[in-house]
Amino acid sequence: MKNEMVFIESQIKSKKLNIIDAGCGNARVSNYLYKKGYRNIKSIDIIKCDAINFEKKDCWDEDYSNYDVLIFWKVFTLLDTRKFLKKLEREMKKGAILIFNIANICSFSRRLKYLFGINSITKGGFYSFFTFKEIEELLNEFSFSKKEISGSNKDYLKNI
């Protein structure tokens, strides 16, 4: 978790930027950033949590045009990703930074469960599954000016 927070913070160039932690869950990202001195943070989720500047709201209902940094941590795959990226492409202001992650659905234990018919991921909800290549292809469909994809298994998977 700490490495994730350090990564997120490393992508934010100034503590004065307007940040949204969309789908904030237990607010660990926004609370971490607040402790590090970031004050212009808004947190939204459909479930109430103890976050700084929290608003109970669905990610689809937010207008993202006022934010410099948009964080979707451990939530992006729960959305219709292509449709949501289209929304962000329309609404994000020029120069804004989008930070998101995709859950590791390809872990060995999850693949074994899936092989035996145990779906431990969706629990009846929507879930988008991606490989690094699929994420790269998906992002190339949109006009985001810089696309950087990183992850713990990216270099390893290139060689398979």
C-alpha atoms as a PDB file:
ATOM      1  CA  MET A   1       0.000   0.000   0.000  1.00  0.00           C
ATOM      2  CA  LYS A   2       2.767   2.446   0.868  1.00  0.00           C
ATOM      3  CA  ASN A   3       4.430   1.918  -2.539  1.00  0.00           C
ATOM      4  CA  GLU A   4       1.109   2.676  -4.228  1.00  0.00           C
ATOM      5  CA  MET A   5       0.754   5.935  -2.312  1.00  0.00           C
ATOM      6  CA  VAL A   6       4.346   6.933  -3.080  1.00  0.00           C
ATOM      7  CA  PHE A   7       3.669   6.235  -6.773  1.00  0.00           C
ATOM      8  CA  ILE A   8       0.491   8.350  -6.760  1.00  0.00           C
ATOM      9  CA  GLU A   9       2.222  11.218  -4.966  1.00  0.00           C
ATOM     10  CA  SER A  10       5.148  11.074  -7.416  1.00  0.00           C
ATOM     11  CA  GLN A  11       2.735  11.810 -10.280  1.00  0.00           C
ATOM     12  CA  ILE A  12       1.393  15.009  -8.674  1.00  0.00           C
ATOM     13  CA  LYS A  13       3.661  17.961  -9.420  1.00  0.00           C
ATOM     14  CA  SER A  14       2.297  20.507  -6.936  1.00  0.00           C
ATOM     15  CA  LYS A  15       0.406  20.537  -3.652  1.00  0.00           C
ATOM     16  CA  LYS A  16      -1.705  23.414  -5.012  1.00  0.00           C
ATOM     17  CA  LEU A  17      -3.410  21.342  -7.727  1.00  0.00           C
ATOM     18  CA  ASN A  18      -7.121  20.459  -7.566  1.00  0.00           C
ATOM     19  CA  ILE A  19      -7.372  16.719  -6.974  1.00  0.00           C
ATOM     20  CA  ILE A  20     -10.317  14.330  -7.046  1.00  0.00           C
ATOM     21  CA  ASP A  21     -10.183  10.866  -5.516  1.00  0.00           C
ATOM     22  CA  ALA A  22     -13.128   9.316  -7.363  1.00  0.00           C
ATOM     23  CA  GLY A  23     -14.499   6.070  -5.990  1.00  0.00           C
ATOM     24  CA  CYS A  24     -12.430   6.748  -2.889  1.00  0.00           C
ATOM     25  CA  GLY A  25     -13.632   3.681  -0.937  1.00  0.00           C
ATOM     26  CA  ASN A  26     -12.077   3.905   2.519  1.00  0.00           C
ATOM     27  CA  ALA A  27     -10.326   7.152   1.479  1.00  0.00           C
ATOM     28  CA  ARG A  28      -6.825   5.862   1.986  1.00  0.00           C
ATOM     29  CA  VAL A  29      -5.527   7.802  -1.060  1.00  0.00           C
ATOM     30  CA  SER A  30      -7.106  11.152  -0.150  1.00  0.00           C
ATOM     31  CA  ASN A  31      -6.234  10.764   3.548  1.00  0.00           C
ATOM     32  CA  TYR A  32      -2.623   9.910   2.648  1.00  0.00           C
ATOM     33  CA  LEU A  33      -2.333  12.940   0.372  1.00  0.00           C
ATOM     34  CA  TYR A  34      -3.905  15.189   3.020  1.00  0.00           C
ATOM     35  CA  LYS A  35      -1.332  14.021   5.581  1.00  0.00           C
ATOM     36  CA  LYS A  36       1.369  14.875   3.022  1.00  0.00           C
ATOM     37  CA  GLY A  37       0.133  18.474   2.767  1.00  0.00           C
ATOM     38  CA  TYR A  38      -2.284  18.391  -0.170  1.00  0.00           C
ATOM     39  CA  ARG A  39      -5.365  20.484   0.671  1.00  0.00           C
ATOM     40  CA  ASN A  40      -7.333  20.825  -2.579  1.00  0.00           C
ATOM     41  CA  ILE A  41      -8.761  17.297  -2.502  1.00  0.00           C
ATOM     42  CA  LYS A  42     -12.314  16.169  -3.132  1.00  0.00           C
ATOM     43  CA  SER A  43     -13.340  12.572  -2.420  1.00  0.00           C
ATOM     44  CA  ILE A  44     -16.414  10.930  -3.909  1.00  0.00           C
ATOM     45  CA  ASP A  45     -17.934   7.485  -3.601  1.00  0.00           C
ATOM     46  CA  ILE A  46     -21.369   5.911  -3.585  1.00  0.00           C
ATOM     47  CA  ILE A  47     -20.737   4.678  -0.033  1.00  0.00           C
ATOM     48  CA  LYS A  48     -20.144   7.151   2.818  1.00  0.00           C
ATOM     49  CA  CYS A  49     -16.644   7.189   4.217  1.00  0.00           C
ATOM     50  CA  ASP A  50     -14.452   9.221   6.522  1.00  0.00           C
ATOM     51  CA  ALA A  51     -12.612  11.280   3.911  1.00  0.00           C
ATOM     52  CA  ILE A  52     -11.502  14.877   3.651  1.00  0.00           C
ATOM     53  CA  ASN A  53     -14.031  16.958   1.664  1.00  0.00           C
ATOM     54  CA  PHE A  54     -16.244  13.916   0.961  1.00  0.00           C
ATOM     55  CA  GLU A  55     -19.370  13.930  -1.183  1.00  0.00           C
ATOM     56  CA  LYS A  56     -21.592  10.887  -1.620  1.00  0.00           C
ATOM     57  CA  LYS A  57     -21.789  10.677  -5.402  1.00  0.00           C
ATOM     58  CA  ASP A  58     -21.486   8.202  -8.245  1.00  0.00           C
ATOM     59  CA  CYS A  59     -18.383   8.636 -10.436  1.00  0.00           C
ATOM     60  CA  TRP A  60     -20.660   9.001 -13.472  1.00  0.00           C
ATOM     61  CA  ASP A  61     -22.371  12.057 -11.964  1.00  0.00           C
ATOM     62  CA  GLU A  62     -19.231  14.131 -11.359  1.00  0.00           C
ATOM     63  CA  ASP A  63     -18.056  16.894 -13.699  1.00  0.00           C
ATOM     64  CA  TYR A  64     -14.281  16.399 -14.003  1.00  0.00           C
ATOM     65  CA  SER A  65     -13.518  19.649 -15.830  1.00  0.00           C
ATOM     66  CA  ASN A  66     -12.272  21.491 -12.703  1.00  0.00           C
ATOM     67  CA  TYR A  67      -9.578  19.030 -11.652  1.00  0.00           C
ATOM     68  CA  ASP A  68      -5.865  18.964 -12.359  1.00  0.00           C
ATOM     69  CA  VAL A  69      -5.425  15.415 -11.061  1.00  0.00           C
ATOM     70  CA  LEU A  70      -8.030  12.654 -11.299  1.00  0.00           C
ATOM     71  CA  ILE A  71      -7.387   9.522  -9.261  1.00  0.00           C
ATOM     72  CA  PHE A  72      -9.355   6.312  -9.749  1.00  0.00           C
ATOM     73  CA  TRP A  73      -7.556   3.861  -7.484  1.00  0.00           C
ATOM     74  CA  LYS A  74      -8.950   0.334  -7.256  1.00  0.00           C
ATOM     75  CA  VAL A  75     -12.207   1.439  -8.858  1.00  0.00           C
ATOM     76  CA  PHE A  76     -11.584   1.983 -12.561  1.00  0.00           C
ATOM     77  CA  THR A  77     -12.174  -1.641 -13.533  1.00  0.00           C
ATOM     78  CA  LEU A  78     -15.566  -1.554 -11.817  1.00  0.00           C
ATOM     79  CA  LEU A  79     -16.777   0.928 -14.440  1.00  0.00           C
ATOM     80  CA  ASP A  80     -17.590   0.416 -18.109  1.00  0.00           C
ATOM     81  CA  THR A  81     -14.021   1.480 -18.842  1.00  0.00           C
ATOM     82  CA  ARG A  82     -14.292   2.450 -22.531  1.00  0.00           C
ATOM     83  CA  LYS A  83     -17.477   4.454 -21.945  1.00  0.00           C
ATOM     84  CA  PHE A  84     -15.981   6.121 -18.871  1.00  0.00           C
ATOM     85  CA  LEU A  85     -12.774   7.063 -20.714  1.00  0.00           C
ATOM     86  CA  LYS A  86     -14.954   8.748 -23.349  1.00  0.00           C
ATOM     87  CA  LYS A  87     -16.589  10.789 -20.569  1.00  0.00           C
ATOM     88  CA  LEU A  88     -13.186  11.778 -19.176  1.00  0.00           C
ATOM     89  CA  GLU A  89     -11.865  12.653 -22.621  1.00  0.00           C
ATOM     90  CA  ARG A  90     -14.770  15.110 -23.059  1.00  0.00           C
ATOM     91  CA  GLU A  91     -14.561  16.595 -19.570  1.00  0.00           C
ATOM     92  CA  MET A  92     -10.902  16.660 -18.530  1.00  0.00           C
ATOM     93  CA  LYS A  93      -9.221  20.013 -18.855  1.00  0.00           C
ATOM     94  CA  LYS A  94      -6.091  20.322 -20.937  1.00  0.00           C
ATOM     95  CA  GLY A  95      -3.026  19.268 -18.973  1.00  0.00           C
ATOM     96  CA  ALA A  96      -4.952  17.307 -16.344  1.00  0.00           C
ATOM     97  CA  ILE A  97      -3.431  14.061 -15.110  1.00  0.00           C
ATOM     98  CA  LEU A  98      -5.389  10.807 -14.938  1.00  0.00           C
ATOM     99  CA  ILE A  99      -4.040   8.217 -12.502  1.00  0.00           C
ATOM    100  CA  PHE A 100      -5.707   4.824 -12.306  1.00  0.00           C
ATOM    101  CA  ASN A 101      -4.880   1.215 -11.718  1.00  0.00           C
ATOM    102  CA  ILE A 102      -6.229  -2.088 -12.927  1.00  0.00           C
ATOM    103  CA  ALA A 103      -6.557  -4.936 -10.453  1.00  0.00           C
ATOM    104  CA  ASN A 104      -4.371  -7.983 -11.020  1.00  0.00           C
ATOM    105  CA  ILE A 105      -7.079 -10.364 -12.144  1.00  0.00           C
ATOM    106  CA  CYS A 106      -4.478 -12.685 -13.647  1.00  0.00           C
ATOM    107  CA  SER A 107      -2.901 -13.738 -10.376  1.00  0.00           C
ATOM    108  CA  PHE A 108      -2.244 -17.461 -10.128  1.00  0.00           C
ATOM    109  CA  SER A 109      -4.804 -18.026  -7.363  1.00  0.00           C
ATOM    110  CA  ARG A 110      -7.541 -16.153  -9.263  1.00  0.00           C
ATOM    111  CA  ARG A 111      -6.830 -18.113 -12.441  1.00  0.00           C
ATOM    112  CA  LEU A 112      -7.132 -21.390 -10.514  1.00  0.00           C
ATOM    113  CA  LYS A 113     -10.441 -20.318  -8.978  1.00  0.00           C
ATOM    114  CA  TYR A 114     -11.718 -19.248 -12.394  1.00  0.00           C
ATOM    115  CA  LEU A 115     -10.631 -22.597 -13.895  1.00  0.00           C
ATOM    116  CA  PHE A 116     -12.794 -24.385 -11.314  1.00  0.00           C
ATOM    117  CA  GLY A 117     -15.771 -22.102 -11.878  1.00  0.00           C
ATOM    118  CA  ILE A 118     -15.293 -19.897  -8.832  1.00  0.00           C
ATOM    119  CA  ASN A 119     -15.634 -16.255  -9.800  1.00  0.00           C
ATOM    120  CA  SER A 120     -14.115 -14.418  -6.852  1.00  0.00           C
ATOM    121  CA  ILE A 121     -13.952 -11.073  -8.614  1.00  0.00           C
ATOM    122  CA  THR A 122     -17.276  -9.783  -9.890  1.00  0.00           C
ATOM    123  CA  LYS A 123     -19.642 -10.929  -7.155  1.00  0.00           C
ATOM    124  CA  GLY A 124     -22.526 -10.105  -9.490  1.00  0.00           C
ATOM    125  CA  GLY A 125     -21.263  -6.678 -10.578  1.00  0.00           C
ATOM    126  CA  PHE A 126     -19.621  -5.156 -13.632  1.00  0.00           C
ATOM    127  CA  TYR A 127     -15.907  -5.757 -14.029  1.00  0.00           C
ATOM    128  CA  SER A 128     -13.503  -4.980 -16.883  1.00  0.00           C
ATOM    129  CA  PHE A 129     -10.644  -7.397 -17.503  1.00  0.00           C
ATOM    130  CA  PHE A 130      -7.476  -6.172 -19.234  1.00  0.00           C
ATOM    131  CA  THR A 131      -3.950  -7.193 -20.046  1.00  0.00           C
ATOM    132  CA  PHE A 132      -1.252  -4.517 -20.318  1.00  0.00           C
ATOM    133  CA  LYS A 133      -1.500  -4.713 -24.118  1.00  0.00           C
ATOM    134  CA  GLU A 134      -5.287  -4.265 -24.003  1.00  0.00           C
ATOM    135  CA  ILE A 135      -4.956  -1.219 -21.732  1.00  0.00           C
ATOM    136  CA  GLU A 136      -2.397   0.278 -24.097  1.00  0.00           C
ATOM    137  CA  GLU A 137      -4.666  -0.334 -27.107  1.00  0.00           C
ATOM    138  CA  LEU A 138      -7.654   1.077 -25.247  1.00  0.00           C
ATOM    139  CA  LEU A 139      -5.828   4.252 -24.243  1.00  0.00           C
ATOM    140  CA  ASN A 140      -4.621   4.718 -27.834  1.00  0.00           C
ATOM    141  CA  GLU A 141      -8.273   5.079 -28.885  1.00  0.00           C
ATOM    142  CA  PHE A 142      -8.465   8.369 -26.990  1.00  0.00           C
ATOM    143  CA  SER A 143      -6.813  11.765 -27.383  1.00  0.00           C
ATOM    144  CA  PHE A 144      -5.001  11.834 -24.047  1.00  0.00           C
ATOM    145  CA  SER A 145      -1.703  13.576 -24.748  1.00  0.00           C
ATOM    146  CA  LYS A 146       0.646  11.304 -22.797  1.00  0.00           C
ATOM    147  CA  LYS A 147       0.119   7.704 -21.997  1.00  0.00           C
ATOM    148  CA  GLU A 148       2.385   5.960 -19.542  1.00  0.00           C
ATOM    149  CA  ILE A 149       1.609   2.438 -18.497  1.00  0.00           C
ATOM    150  CA  SER A 150       3.483   0.862 -15.639  1.00  0.00           C
ATOM    151  CA  GLY A 151       2.955  -2.047 -13.348  1.00  0.00           C
ATOM    152  CA  SER A 152       4.654  -4.691 -11.325  1.00  0.00           C
ATOM    153  CA  ASN A 153       4.246  -7.416 -13.954  1.00  0.00           C
ATOM    154  CA  LYS A 154       4.510  -5.380 -17.179  1.00  0.00           C
ATOM    155  CA  ASP A 155       8.141  -6.170 -17.990  1.00  0.00           C
ATOM    156  CA  TYR A 156       7.727  -9.796 -17.018  1.00  0.00           C
ATOM    157  CA  LEU A 157       4.660 -10.242 -19.241  1.00  0.00           C
ATOM    158  CA  LYS A 158       6.451  -8.783 -22.283  1.00  0.00           C
ATOM    159  CA  ASN A 159       8.632 -11.888 -22.404  1.00  0.00           C
ATOM    160  CA  ILE A 160       5.833 -14.465 -22.383  1.00  0.00           C
END
